[in-house]
């Protein structure tokens, strides 16, 4: 299995984890590190499977937000992964919630070679910890997936099957 933490330098990883704890002052450092690790796995899977609509859990989204705030680090990360993974936030809305999206996301992260920290991949009603992030991710009109390629697969490795 791949180690997602190696996608960043140790200093970069520590800086992103510190951003998570800065935004969530009551959070333990170890929890912030777990969240950033899962966010890295999410970004790697999104880059590897750009036509599949996936999204992070609310908790993992906190780590993704922290990554994005480190713009140069995030740009280098995405460049190294082969695709820039855009963030299309919306306020959470139950009418847009796809009950299968987290299952699909976890499956693609595993297909990308990572082991998932399942405690951090729960639905909106069962988060492991509270986080500051408060957005959901839906495809932009006419597009789909975090990279917005235009033609969306519904599951699997982005092959449309």
Protein backbone atom coordinates (compact mmCIF):
# COMPACT_ATOMS: atom_id res chain seq x y z
CA UNK A 1 0.00 0.00 0.00
CA UNK A 2 1.08 3.55 -0.73
CA UNK A 3 1.95 6.05 2.02
CA UNK A 4 0.06 9.27 1.28
CA UNK A 5 2.29 11.30 3.60
CA UNK A 6 5.15 10.87 1.13
CA UNK A 7 3.24 13.05 -1.35
CA UNK A 8 4.48 16.04 0.67
CA UNK A 9 7.74 16.87 2.36
CA UNK A 10 7.68 16.33 6.13
CA UNK A 11 7.76 20.12 6.65
CA UNK A 12 4.90 20.61 4.17
CA UNK A 13 2.82 17.93 5.85
CA UNK A 14 3.43 19.45 9.30
CA UNK A 15 2.47 22.89 8.01
CA UNK A 16 -0.82 21.66 6.54
CA UNK A 17 -1.63 19.71 9.74
CA UNK A 18 -0.92 22.88 11.76
CA UNK A 19 -3.46 24.73 9.60
CA UNK A 20 -6.07 22.10 10.50
CA UNK A 21 -5.37 22.51 14.22
CA UNK A 22 -5.33 26.31 13.89
CA UNK A 23 -8.82 26.14 12.38
CA UNK A 24 -9.98 23.60 14.99
CA UNK A 25 -8.29 24.62 18.27
CA UNK A 26 -9.69 21.73 20.33
CA UNK A 27 -8.40 19.09 17.90
CA UNK A 28 -5.51 16.83 18.86
CA UNK A 29 -2.44 17.03 16.61
CA UNK A 30 -2.69 13.30 15.83
CA UNK A 31 -6.28 13.75 14.60
CA UNK A 32 -5.24 16.66 12.37
CA UNK A 33 -2.48 14.48 10.89
CA UNK A 34 -4.98 11.70 10.17
CA UNK A 35 -7.27 14.19 8.45
CA UNK A 36 -4.48 15.58 6.25
CA UNK A 37 -3.37 12.06 5.35
CA UNK A 38 -6.89 11.19 4.19
CA UNK A 39 -7.14 14.47 2.26
CA UNK A 40 -3.94 13.56 0.41
CA UNK A 41 -5.43 10.18 -0.48
CA UNK A 42 -8.58 11.90 -1.72
CA UNK A 43 -6.65 14.33 -3.94
CA UNK A 44 -4.51 11.50 -5.31
CA UNK A 45 -7.60 9.44 -6.17
CA UNK A 46 -9.34 12.46 -7.71
CA UNK A 47 -6.31 13.10 -9.90
CA UNK A 48 -6.04 9.44 -10.91
CA UNK A 49 -9.76 9.07 -11.71
CA UNK A 50 -10.72 12.52 -13.01
CA UNK A 51 -14.04 11.55 -14.61
CA UNK A 52 -15.60 9.95 -11.54
CA UNK A 53 -17.74 12.08 -9.23
CA UNK A 54 -16.26 11.68 -5.76
CA UNK A 55 -16.13 13.91 -2.73
CA UNK A 56 -14.48 13.94 0.67
CA UNK A 57 -16.31 13.38 3.93
CA UNK A 58 -16.91 16.56 5.91
CA UNK A 59 -13.98 15.70 8.19
CA UNK A 60 -11.60 14.94 5.31
CA UNK A 61 -12.74 18.12 3.56
CA UNK A 62 -11.15 20.06 6.42
CA UNK A 63 -7.79 18.59 5.40
CA UNK A 64 -8.43 19.36 1.74
CA UNK A 65 -9.22 22.98 2.63
CA UNK A 66 -5.94 23.19 4.58
CA UNK A 67 -4.04 21.78 1.59
CA UNK A 68 -5.59 24.33 -0.75
CA UNK A 69 -4.61 27.20 1.57
CA UNK A 70 -0.99 26.25 0.97
CA UNK A 71 -1.27 27.26 -2.67
CA UNK A 72 2.26 26.55 -3.89
CA UNK A 73 2.39 23.24 -2.06
CA UNK A 74 -1.05 22.29 -3.43
CA UNK A 75 -0.12 23.27 -6.98
CA UNK A 76 3.07 21.17 -6.79
CA UNK A 77 1.11 18.26 -5.31
CA UNK A 78 -1.45 18.33 -8.12
CA UNK A 79 1.25 18.75 -10.76
CA UNK A 80 3.02 15.68 -9.39
CA UNK A 81 -0.25 13.75 -9.50
CA UNK A 82 -0.88 14.73 -13.13
CA UNK A 83 -4.08 16.79 -12.71
CA UNK A 84 -5.11 19.90 -10.82
CA UNK A 85 -7.98 18.93 -8.53
CA UNK A 86 -10.40 21.85 -8.36
CA UNK A 87 -12.64 22.60 -5.41
CA UNK A 88 -16.26 23.44 -6.20
CA UNK A 89 -17.85 24.21 -2.81
CA UNK A 90 -21.51 24.67 -2.05
CA UNK A 91 -23.34 25.06 1.22
CA UNK A 92 -24.51 21.61 2.34
CA UNK A 93 -27.93 20.67 1.04
CA UNK A 94 -29.76 17.40 1.66
CA UNK A 95 -31.35 17.56 -1.79
CA UNK A 96 -27.89 17.30 -3.36
CA UNK A 97 -26.55 14.57 -1.08
CA UNK A 98 -25.52 11.42 -2.95
CA UNK A 99 -25.70 8.57 -0.41
CA UNK A 100 -23.29 6.48 -2.48
CA UNK A 101 -20.58 9.08 -3.02
CA UNK A 102 -18.49 8.22 0.04
CA UNK A 103 -18.59 4.50 -0.77
CA UNK A 104 -17.49 5.29 -4.33
CA UNK A 105 -14.78 7.65 -3.06
CA UNK A 106 -13.37 5.11 -0.60
CA UNK A 107 -13.35 2.43 -3.31
CA UNK A 108 -11.35 4.66 -5.65
CA UNK A 109 -8.90 5.62 -2.92
CA UNK A 110 -8.32 1.91 -2.34
CA UNK A 111 -8.03 1.33 -6.10
CA UNK A 112 -5.37 4.07 -6.13
CA UNK A 113 -3.35 1.94 -3.70
CA UNK A 114 -4.12 3.45 -0.32
CA UNK A 115 -5.60 2.01 2.86
CA UNK A 116 -8.50 4.14 4.08
CA UNK A 117 -8.89 5.39 7.65
CA UNK A 118 -12.57 4.43 7.74
CA UNK A 119 -13.34 6.41 10.91
CA UNK A 120 -12.84 9.59 8.89
CA UNK A 121 -15.05 8.55 5.97
CA UNK A 122 -18.48 8.64 7.62
CA UNK A 123 -21.54 10.42 6.32
CA UNK A 124 -22.59 13.87 7.45
CA UNK A 125 -24.64 12.54 10.35
CA UNK A 126 -21.78 10.53 11.93
CA UNK A 127 -18.53 12.52 11.89
CA UNK A 128 -15.70 11.34 14.13
CA UNK A 129 -14.90 14.93 15.13
CA UNK A 130 -16.42 18.32 14.51
CA UNK A 131 -14.56 20.51 12.00
CA UNK A 132 -14.74 24.08 10.76
CA UNK A 133 -15.32 23.09 7.09
CA UNK A 134 -18.93 23.51 6.05
CA UNK A 135 -19.34 22.85 2.37
CA UNK A 136 -20.32 20.02 0.11
CA UNK A 137 -19.08 19.36 -3.37
CA UNK A 138 -21.30 18.98 -6.36
CA UNK A 139 -20.29 18.95 -10.00
CA UNK A 140 -20.45 22.28 -11.74
CA UNK A 141 -23.17 22.52 -14.40
CA UNK A 142 -22.14 20.58 -17.48
CA UNK A 143 -19.29 18.88 -15.71
CA UNK A 144 -18.53 16.30 -13.13
CA UNK A 145 -15.85 15.03 -10.87
CA UNK A 146 -13.36 17.18 -9.01
CA UNK A 147 -11.47 17.98 -12.19
CA UNK A 148 -14.61 18.82 -14.20
CA UNK A 149 -13.82 16.94 -17.41
CA UNK A 150 -17.36 17.04 -18.79
CA UNK A 151 -18.21 13.34 -19.07
CA UNK A 152 -18.85 11.58 -15.81
CA UNK A 153 -18.56 7.92 -14.95
CA UNK A 154 -20.69 6.68 -12.09
CA UNK A 155 -18.29 4.21 -10.50
CA UNK A 156 -15.13 2.27 -11.04
CA UNK A 157 -11.89 3.59 -12.44
CA UNK A 158 -13.29 6.40 -14.53
CA UNK A 159 -13.96 4.23 -17.56
CA UNK A 160 -17.70 4.95 -17.59
CA UNK A 161 -18.72 1.39 -16.84
